[in-house]
């Protein structure tokens, strides 16, 4: 994927403030990237640009070697899957199995129970497939949404705060498994995150999005240790580290 001097104003709440200002970013096929930045700084907007859930007002956005708006939306979203921070149940009533299969069914596909369990294992869940999905906790529902996305076998997987509802240990274990899953399949993975060491756990490089601009990429170790040269980035990382320790 590639963004060249892309700009985007506004927000889901209708704010007309500049969200992305001349952002340039490239992500090679099969690579992994963690995206950090303050709340409201445009991280989620950046991911939404790549699946046509938002439209750039300037510059160019390319996915799989073509301008994003040249892709039919249905075809694009088969190849690039966006998982929001709080994935919702797709069925008002249904089992864990039903929830995992529903998106596949929309695409005329199916999966065995063994495949469902393997997807759940990647996200650290061992659930009875017949269990009513509505009984799951918030953290379990978030990971169920991730497993549902893995079953779609995307080429580009875009995750918005995939560890937001998890404790530190569970989050690191989840990211490590997701990184291994993506690497084994050559899947390109980009994840918005809020923790300095998430990039290292994911086996990814990281960028920092501040005031609509991208800084980096930095190695996961550099982010975790705040070993970056830019004063603005260093100040932001120090603030995040302080919040995590409080």
C-alpha atoms as a PDB file:
ATOM      1  CA  UNK A   1       0.000   0.000   0.000  1.00  0.00           C
ATOM      2  CA  UNK A   2       1.149   3.555  -0.574  1.00  0.00           C
ATOM      3  CA  UNK A   3      -0.079   6.987   0.436  1.00  0.00           C
ATOM      4  CA  UNK A   4       1.502  10.023  -1.234  1.00  0.00           C
ATOM      5  CA  UNK A   5       0.884  13.400   0.354  1.00  0.00           C
ATOM      6  CA  UNK A   6      -2.640  12.343   1.297  1.00  0.00           C
ATOM      7  CA  UNK A   7      -4.903  14.740   3.149  1.00  0.00           C
ATOM      8  CA  UNK A   8      -8.153  14.155   4.986  1.00  0.00           C
ATOM      9  CA  UNK A   9     -10.309  16.568   6.964  1.00  0.00           C
ATOM     10  CA  UNK A  10     -13.178  15.906   9.308  1.00  0.00           C
ATOM     11  CA  UNK A  11     -14.062  13.112  11.666  1.00  0.00           C
ATOM     12  CA  UNK A  12     -16.996  10.771  12.312  1.00  0.00           C
ATOM     13  CA  UNK A  13     -18.309  13.401  14.718  1.00  0.00           C
ATOM     14  CA  UNK A  14     -18.363  16.059  12.002  1.00  0.00           C
ATOM     15  CA  UNK A  15     -15.329  18.059  13.148  1.00  0.00           C
ATOM     16  CA  UNK A  16     -13.799  19.925  10.209  1.00  0.00           C
ATOM     17  CA  UNK A  17     -10.280  19.882  11.636  1.00  0.00           C
ATOM     18  CA  UNK A  18      -7.407  18.558   9.544  1.00  0.00           C
ATOM     19  CA  UNK A  19      -6.882  14.883  10.396  1.00  0.00           C
ATOM     20  CA  UNK A  20      -4.175  13.923   7.903  1.00  0.00           C
ATOM     21  CA  UNK A  21      -1.949  16.529   6.283  1.00  0.00           C
ATOM     22  CA  UNK A  22       0.298  15.477   3.427  1.00  0.00           C
ATOM     23  CA  UNK A  23       0.850  11.971   4.810  1.00  0.00           C
ATOM     24  CA  UNK A  24       3.266   9.817   2.821  1.00  0.00           C
ATOM     25  CA  UNK A  25       3.659   6.170   3.761  1.00  0.00           C
ATOM     26  CA  UNK A  26       4.563   2.944   1.962  1.00  0.00           C
ATOM     27  CA  UNK A  27       4.064  -0.605   3.188  1.00  0.00           C
ATOM     28  CA  UNK A  28       5.543  -3.508   1.241  1.00  0.00           C
ATOM     29  CA  UNK A  29       3.629  -6.719   0.699  1.00  0.00           C
ATOM     30  CA  UNK A  30       4.114  -9.160   3.535  1.00  0.00           C
ATOM     31  CA  UNK A  31       5.394  -6.522   5.954  1.00  0.00           C
ATOM     32  CA  UNK A  32       3.995  -5.571   9.357  1.00  0.00           C
ATOM     33  CA  UNK A  33       3.539  -2.059  10.679  1.00  0.00           C
ATOM     34  CA  UNK A  34       2.411  -0.630  14.022  1.00  0.00           C
ATOM     35  CA  UNK A  35       0.902   2.861  13.961  1.00  0.00           C
ATOM     36  CA  UNK A  36       1.106   4.954  17.127  1.00  0.00           C
ATOM     37  CA  UNK A  37      -0.147   8.414  17.899  1.00  0.00           C
ATOM     38  CA  UNK A  38      -2.407  10.439  20.184  1.00  0.00           C
ATOM     39  CA  UNK A  39      -6.154   9.858  20.296  1.00  0.00           C
ATOM     40  CA  UNK A  40      -7.887  11.707  17.483  1.00  0.00           C
ATOM     41  CA  UNK A  41      -4.621  11.989  15.573  1.00  0.00           C
ATOM     42  CA  UNK A  42      -5.781  10.234  12.401  1.00  0.00           C
ATOM     43  CA  UNK A  43      -4.525   6.681  12.966  1.00  0.00           C
ATOM     44  CA  UNK A  44      -7.878   5.021  12.326  1.00  0.00           C
ATOM     45  CA  UNK A  45      -8.614   7.439   9.478  1.00  0.00           C
ATOM     46  CA  UNK A  46      -5.440   6.275   7.780  1.00  0.00           C
ATOM     47  CA  UNK A  47      -6.591   2.645   7.869  1.00  0.00           C
ATOM     48  CA  UNK A  48     -10.065   3.602   6.679  1.00  0.00           C
ATOM     49  CA  UNK A  49      -8.573   5.258   3.590  1.00  0.00           C
ATOM     50  CA  UNK A  50      -7.217   1.887   2.496  1.00  0.00           C
ATOM     51  CA  UNK A  51     -10.638   0.214   2.370  1.00  0.00           C
ATOM     52  CA  UNK A  52     -12.609   3.204   1.036  1.00  0.00           C
ATOM     53  CA  UNK A  53     -14.333   3.763   4.343  1.00  0.00           C
ATOM     54  CA  UNK A  54     -12.907   7.292   4.036  1.00  0.00           C
ATOM     55  CA  UNK A  55     -11.827   9.293   0.988  1.00  0.00           C
ATOM     56  CA  UNK A  56      -8.633  11.296   0.659  1.00  0.00           C
ATOM     57  CA  UNK A  57      -9.150  14.944  -0.229  1.00  0.00           C
ATOM     58  CA  UNK A  58      -5.628  15.334  -1.589  1.00  0.00           C
ATOM     59  CA  UNK A  59      -2.731  13.212  -2.793  1.00  0.00           C
ATOM     60  CA  UNK A  60      -2.960   9.570  -3.831  1.00  0.00           C
ATOM     61  CA  UNK A  61      -3.801   6.319  -2.068  1.00  0.00           C
ATOM     62  CA  UNK A  62      -2.727   3.062  -3.714  1.00  0.00           C
ATOM     63  CA  UNK A  63      -3.540  -0.485  -2.638  1.00  0.00           C
ATOM     64  CA  UNK A  64      -2.181  -3.567  -4.425  1.00  0.00           C
ATOM     65  CA  UNK A  65      -0.545  -1.334  -7.032  1.00  0.00           C
ATOM     66  CA  UNK A  66      -3.703   0.529  -8.078  1.00  0.00           C
ATOM     67  CA  UNK A  67      -5.410   3.727  -6.929  1.00  0.00           C
ATOM     68  CA  UNK A  68      -7.780   2.743  -4.158  1.00  0.00           C
ATOM     69  CA  UNK A  69     -10.759   4.351  -5.894  1.00  0.00           C
ATOM     70  CA  UNK A  70     -10.109   2.227  -9.014  1.00  0.00           C
ATOM     71  CA  UNK A  71     -11.028  -0.916  -7.087  1.00  0.00           C
ATOM     72  CA  UNK A  72     -14.637  -2.098  -6.956  1.00  0.00           C
ATOM     73  CA  UNK A  73     -15.462  -1.834  -3.257  1.00  0.00           C
ATOM     74  CA  UNK A  74     -16.559  -5.466  -2.918  1.00  0.00           C
ATOM     75  CA  UNK A  75     -13.357  -6.767  -4.507  1.00  0.00           C
ATOM     76  CA  UNK A  76     -11.161  -4.415  -2.478  1.00  0.00           C
ATOM     77  CA  UNK A  77     -12.767  -5.475   0.793  1.00  0.00           C
ATOM     78  CA  UNK A  78     -12.291  -9.130  -0.028  1.00  0.00           C
ATOM     79  CA  UNK A  79      -8.560  -8.545  -0.313  1.00  0.00           C
ATOM     80  CA  UNK A  80      -8.209  -5.895   2.420  1.00  0.00           C
ATOM     81  CA  UNK A  81     -10.060  -6.458   5.712  1.00  0.00           C
ATOM     82  CA  UNK A  82     -10.484  -3.756   8.355  1.00  0.00           C
ATOM     83  CA  UNK A  83     -11.243  -4.838  11.933  1.00  0.00           C
ATOM     84  CA  UNK A  84     -12.545  -2.001  14.146  1.00  0.00           C
ATOM     85  CA  UNK A  85     -11.544  -1.574  17.759  1.00  0.00           C
ATOM     86  CA  UNK A  86     -14.762  -3.124  19.053  1.00  0.00           C
ATOM     87  CA  UNK A  87     -16.022  -5.679  16.504  1.00  0.00           C
ATOM     88  CA  UNK A  88     -19.744  -6.300  16.824  1.00  0.00           C
ATOM     89  CA  UNK A  89     -21.725  -9.508  16.675  1.00  0.00           C
ATOM     90  CA  UNK A  90     -23.066  -9.927  13.154  1.00  0.00           C
ATOM     91  CA  UNK A  91     -26.046 -12.006  14.262  1.00  0.00           C
ATOM     92  CA  UNK A  92     -28.631 -11.086  16.892  1.00  0.00           C
ATOM     93  CA  UNK A  93     -28.771 -14.735  17.917  1.00  0.00           C
ATOM     94  CA  UNK A  94     -26.134 -17.312  17.139  1.00  0.00           C
ATOM     95  CA  UNK A  95     -23.339 -19.497  18.381  1.00  0.00           C
ATOM     96  CA  UNK A  96     -19.618 -18.881  18.246  1.00  0.00           C
ATOM     97  CA  UNK A  97     -19.590 -21.133  15.180  1.00  0.00           C
ATOM     98  CA  UNK A  98     -22.333 -19.088  13.504  1.00  0.00           C
ATOM     99  CA  UNK A  99     -20.461 -15.831  14.122  1.00  0.00           C
ATOM    100  CA  UNK A 100     -17.249 -17.213  12.661  1.00  0.00           C
ATOM    101  CA  UNK A 101     -18.999 -18.568   9.580  1.00  0.00           C
ATOM    102  CA  UNK A 102     -21.339 -15.708   8.734  1.00  0.00           C
ATOM    103  CA  UNK A 103     -18.827 -13.487   6.902  1.00  0.00           C
ATOM    104  CA  UNK A 104     -17.492 -16.500   5.004  1.00  0.00           C
ATOM    105  CA  UNK A 105     -21.058 -17.338   4.009  1.00  0.00           C
ATOM    106  CA  UNK A 106     -21.531 -13.888   2.530  1.00  0.00           C
ATOM    107  CA  UNK A 107     -18.636 -14.750   0.222  1.00  0.00           C
ATOM    108  CA  UNK A 108     -19.976 -18.173  -0.675  1.00  0.00           C
ATOM    109  CA  UNK A 109     -17.371 -19.976   1.402  1.00  0.00           C
ATOM    110  CA  UNK A 110     -17.368 -22.313   4.389  1.00  0.00           C
ATOM    111  CA  UNK A 111     -14.863 -23.715   6.884  1.00  0.00           C
ATOM    112  CA  UNK A 112     -14.547 -26.846   8.970  1.00  0.00           C
ATOM    113  CA  UNK A 113     -14.782 -26.817  12.750  1.00  0.00           C
ATOM    114  CA  UNK A 114     -11.065 -27.607  12.813  1.00  0.00           C
ATOM    115  CA  UNK A 115     -10.332 -24.444  10.801  1.00  0.00           C
ATOM    116  CA  UNK A 116     -12.521 -22.423  13.161  1.00  0.00           C
ATOM    117  CA  UNK A 117     -10.668 -23.736  16.198  1.00  0.00           C
ATOM    118  CA  UNK A 118      -7.305 -22.938  14.590  1.00  0.00           C
ATOM    119  CA  UNK A 119      -8.391 -19.342  13.966  1.00  0.00           C
ATOM    120  CA  UNK A 120      -9.567 -19.068  17.563  1.00  0.00           C
ATOM    121  CA  UNK A 121      -6.231 -20.463  18.765  1.00  0.00           C
ATOM    122  CA  UNK A 122      -4.346 -17.700  16.932  1.00  0.00           C
ATOM    123  CA  UNK A 123      -6.254 -15.110  18.960  1.00  0.00           C
ATOM    124  CA  UNK A 124      -5.853 -17.069  22.186  1.00  0.00           C
ATOM    125  CA  UNK A 125      -9.383 -18.429  22.551  1.00  0.00           C
ATOM    126  CA  UNK A 126     -10.488 -21.989  23.256  1.00  0.00           C
ATOM    127  CA  UNK A 127     -14.270 -21.806  23.038  1.00  0.00           C
ATOM    128  CA  UNK A 128     -17.099 -24.270  22.657  1.00  0.00           C
ATOM    129  CA  UNK A 129     -18.255 -23.573  19.102  1.00  0.00           C
ATOM    130  CA  UNK A 130     -21.852 -24.201  20.156  1.00  0.00           C
ATOM    131  CA  UNK A 131     -21.723 -21.585  22.931  1.00  0.00           C
ATOM    132  CA  UNK A 132     -24.044 -18.586  22.413  1.00  0.00           C
ATOM    133  CA  UNK A 133     -21.821 -15.747  21.222  1.00  0.00           C
ATOM    134  CA  UNK A 134     -23.775 -13.197  23.268  1.00  0.00           C
ATOM    135  CA  UNK A 135     -22.375 -14.814  26.448  1.00  0.00           C
ATOM    136  CA  UNK A 136     -18.798 -13.783  25.622  1.00  0.00           C
ATOM    137  CA  UNK A 137     -17.020 -10.995  27.485  1.00  0.00           C
ATOM    138  CA  UNK A 138     -15.961  -7.799  25.754  1.00  0.00           C
ATOM    139  CA  UNK A 139     -12.376  -9.006  25.402  1.00  0.00           C
ATOM    140  CA  UNK A 140     -13.526 -12.343  24.010  1.00  0.00           C
ATOM    141  CA  UNK A 141     -15.820 -10.608  21.512  1.00  0.00           C
ATOM    142  CA  UNK A 142     -12.930  -8.462  20.288  1.00  0.00           C
ATOM    143  CA  UNK A 143     -10.808 -11.539  19.693  1.00  0.00           C
ATOM    144  CA  UNK A 144     -13.738 -13.366  18.079  1.00  0.00           C
ATOM    145  CA  UNK A 145     -13.917 -10.514  15.578  1.00  0.00           C
ATOM    146  CA  UNK A 146     -10.212 -10.951  14.879  1.00  0.00           C
ATOM    147  CA  UNK A 147     -10.623 -14.696  14.336  1.00  0.00           C
ATOM    148  CA  UNK A 148     -13.512 -13.989  11.956  1.00  0.00           C
ATOM    149  CA  UNK A 149     -11.212 -11.731   9.931  1.00  0.00           C
ATOM    150  CA  UNK A 150      -8.407 -14.322   9.823  1.00  0.00           C
ATOM    151  CA  UNK A 151     -10.798 -16.872   8.335  1.00  0.00           C
ATOM    152  CA  UNK A 152     -11.396 -14.505   5.407  1.00  0.00           C
ATOM    153  CA  UNK A 153      -7.708 -14.946   4.458  1.00  0.00           C
ATOM    154  CA  UNK A 154      -7.086 -11.316   3.449  1.00  0.00           C
ATOM    155  CA  UNK A 155      -3.968 -10.105   1.697  1.00  0.00           C
ATOM    156  CA  UNK A 156      -4.018  -6.914   3.783  1.00  0.00           C
ATOM    157  CA  UNK A 157      -5.221  -6.993   7.394  1.00  0.00           C
ATOM    158  CA  UNK A 158      -5.902  -3.650   9.079  1.00  0.00           C
ATOM    159  CA  UNK A 159      -6.456  -3.688  12.837  1.00  0.00           C
ATOM    160  CA  UNK A 160      -7.667  -0.784  14.954  1.00  0.00           C
ATOM    161  CA  UNK A 161      -6.439  -1.142  18.559  1.00  0.00           C
ATOM    162  CA  UNK A 162      -6.612  -4.966  18.593  1.00  0.00           C
ATOM    163  CA  UNK A 163      -5.360  -5.155  22.197  1.00  0.00           C
ATOM    164  CA  UNK A 164      -7.388  -2.314  23.723  1.00  0.00           C
ATOM    165  CA  UNK A 165      -9.491  -4.556  25.981  1.00  0.00           C
ATOM    166  CA  UNK A 166      -6.669  -6.917  27.008  1.00  0.00           C
ATOM    167  CA  UNK A 167      -4.183  -7.035  29.858  1.00  0.00           C
ATOM    168  CA  UNK A 168      -0.523  -6.510  28.992  1.00  0.00           C
ATOM    169  CA  UNK A 169       0.498 -10.175  28.960  1.00  0.00           C
ATOM    170  CA  UNK A 170      -2.480 -11.309  26.873  1.00  0.00           C
ATOM    171  CA  UNK A 171      -1.930  -8.410  24.478  1.00  0.00           C
ATOM    172  CA  UNK A 172       1.728  -9.266  23.869  1.00  0.00           C
ATOM    173  CA  UNK A 173       0.916 -12.946  23.333  1.00  0.00           C
ATOM    174  CA  UNK A 174      -1.864 -12.066  20.896  1.00  0.00           C
ATOM    175  CA  UNK A 175       0.348  -9.723  18.877  1.00  0.00           C
ATOM    176  CA  UNK A 176       3.135 -12.291  18.676  1.00  0.00           C
ATOM    177  CA  UNK A 177       0.721 -14.914  17.339  1.00  0.00           C
ATOM    178  CA  UNK A 178      -0.793 -12.462  14.857  1.00  0.00           C
ATOM    179  CA  UNK A 179       2.677 -11.531  13.642  1.00  0.00           C
ATOM    180  CA  UNK A 180       3.584 -15.184  13.176  1.00  0.00           C
ATOM    181  CA  UNK A 181       0.275 -15.860  11.401  1.00  0.00           C
ATOM    182  CA  UNK A 182       0.822 -12.971   8.979  1.00  0.00           C
ATOM    183  CA  UNK A 183       4.450 -13.868   8.309  1.00  0.00           C
ATOM    184  CA  UNK A 184       3.624 -17.510   7.577  1.00  0.00           C
ATOM    185  CA  UNK A 185       1.037 -16.472   4.972  1.00  0.00           C
ATOM    186  CA  UNK A 186       2.717 -13.425   3.477  1.00  0.00           C
ATOM    187  CA  UNK A 187      -0.124 -11.222   4.712  1.00  0.00           C
ATOM    188  CA  UNK A 188       0.518  -7.494   5.023  1.00  0.00           C
ATOM    189  CA  UNK A 189      -0.561  -6.334   8.476  1.00  0.00           C
ATOM    190  CA  UNK A 190      -0.998  -2.815   9.830  1.00  0.00           C
ATOM    191  CA  UNK A 191      -2.198  -2.246  13.389  1.00  0.00           C
ATOM    192  CA  UNK A 192      -3.097   0.928  15.237  1.00  0.00           C
ATOM    193  CA  UNK A 193      -1.808   0.579  18.776  1.00  0.00           C
ATOM    194  CA  UNK A 194      -1.457   2.507  22.025  1.00  0.00           C
ATOM    195  CA  UNK A 195       1.528   0.798  23.667  1.00  0.00           C
ATOM    196  CA  UNK A 196       5.214   1.402  22.960  1.00  0.00           C
ATOM    197  CA  UNK A 197       6.246  -2.253  22.915  1.00  0.00           C
ATOM    198  CA  UNK A 198       3.386  -3.486  20.714  1.00  0.00           C
ATOM    199  CA  UNK A 199       5.465  -3.065  17.550  1.00  0.00           C
ATOM    200  CA  UNK A 200       8.221  -5.256  18.968  1.00  0.00           C
ATOM    201  CA  UNK A 201       5.683  -7.898  20.075  1.00  0.00           C
ATOM    202  CA  UNK A 202       4.193  -7.892  16.583  1.00  0.00           C
ATOM    203  CA  UNK A 203       7.622  -8.228  14.990  1.00  0.00           C
ATOM    204  CA  UNK A 204       6.931  -4.999  13.154  1.00  0.00           C
ATOM    205  CA  UNK A 205       8.360  -1.599  12.424  1.00  0.00           C
ATOM    206  CA  UNK A 206       6.417   1.336  13.797  1.00  0.00           C
ATOM    207  CA  UNK A 207       5.495   4.837  12.744  1.00  0.00           C
ATOM    208  CA  UNK A 208       4.183   7.685  14.867  1.00  0.00           C
ATOM    209  CA  UNK A 209       1.395   9.914  13.570  1.00  0.00           C
ATOM    210  CA  UNK A 210       1.554  13.384  15.134  1.00  0.00           C
ATOM    211  CA  UNK A 211      -0.475  16.409  14.073  1.00  0.00           C
ATOM    212  CA  UNK A 212      -1.391  14.751  10.793  1.00  0.00           C
ATOM    213  CA  UNK A 213       2.165  13.789   9.827  1.00  0.00           C
ATOM    214  CA  UNK A 214       4.036  10.484   9.855  1.00  0.00           C
ATOM    215  CA  UNK A 215       7.376  10.040  11.651  1.00  0.00           C
ATOM    216  CA  UNK A 216       9.463   6.923  11.134  1.00  0.00           C
ATOM    217  CA  UNK A 217       9.593   4.066  10.488  1.00  0.00           C
ATOM    218  CA  UNK A 218      11.348   3.031  13.687  1.00  0.00           C
ATOM    219  CA  UNK A 219      12.278  -0.446  14.821  1.00  0.00           C
ATOM    220  CA  UNK A 220      10.095  -1.998  17.488  1.00  0.00           C
ATOM    221  CA  UNK A 221      13.034  -1.937  19.894  1.00  0.00           C
ATOM    222  CA  UNK A 222      13.642   1.773  19.265  1.00  0.00           C
ATOM    223  CA  UNK A 223      10.020   2.591  20.062  1.00  0.00           C
ATOM    224  CA  UNK A 224      10.004   0.449  23.197  1.00  0.00           C
ATOM    225  CA  UNK A 225      13.184   2.159  24.413  1.00  0.00           C
ATOM    226  CA  UNK A 226      12.153   5.614  23.115  1.00  0.00           C
ATOM    227  CA  UNK A 227      15.421   5.682  21.164  1.00  0.00           C
ATOM    228  CA  UNK A 228      14.213   8.078  18.456  1.00  0.00           C
ATOM    229  CA  UNK A 229      15.937  11.207  17.249  1.00  0.00           C
ATOM    230  CA  UNK A 230      12.995  13.550  16.761  1.00  0.00           C
ATOM    231  CA  UNK A 231      12.181  15.663  19.861  1.00  0.00           C
ATOM    232  CA  UNK A 232       8.437  15.736  19.137  1.00  0.00           C
ATOM    233  CA  UNK A 233       8.286  11.956  18.782  1.00  0.00           C
ATOM    234  CA  UNK A 234      10.431  11.445  21.877  1.00  0.00           C
ATOM    235  CA  UNK A 235       8.143  13.719  23.894  1.00  0.00           C
ATOM    236  CA  UNK A 236       5.048  11.842  22.750  1.00  0.00           C
ATOM    237  CA  UNK A 237       6.590   8.453  23.520  1.00  0.00           C
ATOM    238  CA  UNK A 238       7.595   9.705  26.960  1.00  0.00           C
ATOM    239  CA  UNK A 239       4.008  10.765  27.592  1.00  0.00           C
ATOM    240  CA  UNK A 240       2.708   7.347  26.520  1.00  0.00           C
ATOM    241  CA  UNK A 241       5.252   5.591  28.730  1.00  0.00           C
ATOM    242  CA  UNK A 242       4.139   7.703  31.679  1.00  0.00           C
ATOM    243  CA  UNK A 243       0.477   6.877  31.086  1.00  0.00           C
ATOM    244  CA  UNK A 244       1.289   3.175  30.874  1.00  0.00           C
ATOM    245  CA  UNK A 245       3.117   3.280  34.186  1.00  0.00           C
ATOM    246  CA  UNK A 246       0.327   5.110  36.005  1.00  0.00           C
END
